Amino acid sequence: MRPAEHDGRGADAQGGANGSAGISEALVGGGVLALGLALAVGAVSISSAAGYGGVGPNFLPWVVAVVLMACGVLIIREALAGGVAAGSETAERARPRWAGGVWVSAGLLSNAALITSLGFILSCGVCYLLAVQGLRRAQGQAASRPATLLADALTGLAVAAPVYWAFTQLLGLNLPGLTHTGWL
């Protein structure tokens, strides 16, 4: 018996995925596709009565469902073509960096925990700071320098403040604020 010939992308000569990485990626793609289908099933039950500009409350769930299903199909296609991990130049690059995911998760959880006490702007700023720290650390960048921390914190506030103002001042929606003025 001859060993399978590889095309350099991680797929064998017959076009199958190489090892468990391709199977894992196909399973992730299937999960994303299933999530999109589940969201589409839920969107069917939402009223389509038109609101602002003729767009009803079921519009956004349908957009998210379609995008998730498209992403799921693309992930499955990539997995069947050899997978993303198999195309990596080195095994080190393909190795997951869990610390980055922990930082991003900490940012999301801190936002949920702090939004009612700190308000939208500050809690989203903290979320942004922690998430960017995780992404920087996952890429191996120097993330703990004071200048980097300050720049990330200010960028998070600069992104969160206009979003808060757009929702509270322009759309008239209530978001948790630090004060009752509607500006912080």
Foldseek 3Di string as FASTA:
>chain_A
DDDFPDPLQQATPVQAAHPVQLVVLLVVLVVLLVVLVVLVVVLVPADQCADPPGGRPSVVSNVSSVVSNVSSVVSNVQSSRHHPLSRDPDVVVSDFDVQLVVLLVVLVVQLVVCCQAANQLQSQLSNQLSNVLSVCVRVVHPCPDPVNSVVSSVVSNVVRQVVQCCCCPVVVDDTRHNDPPSRD
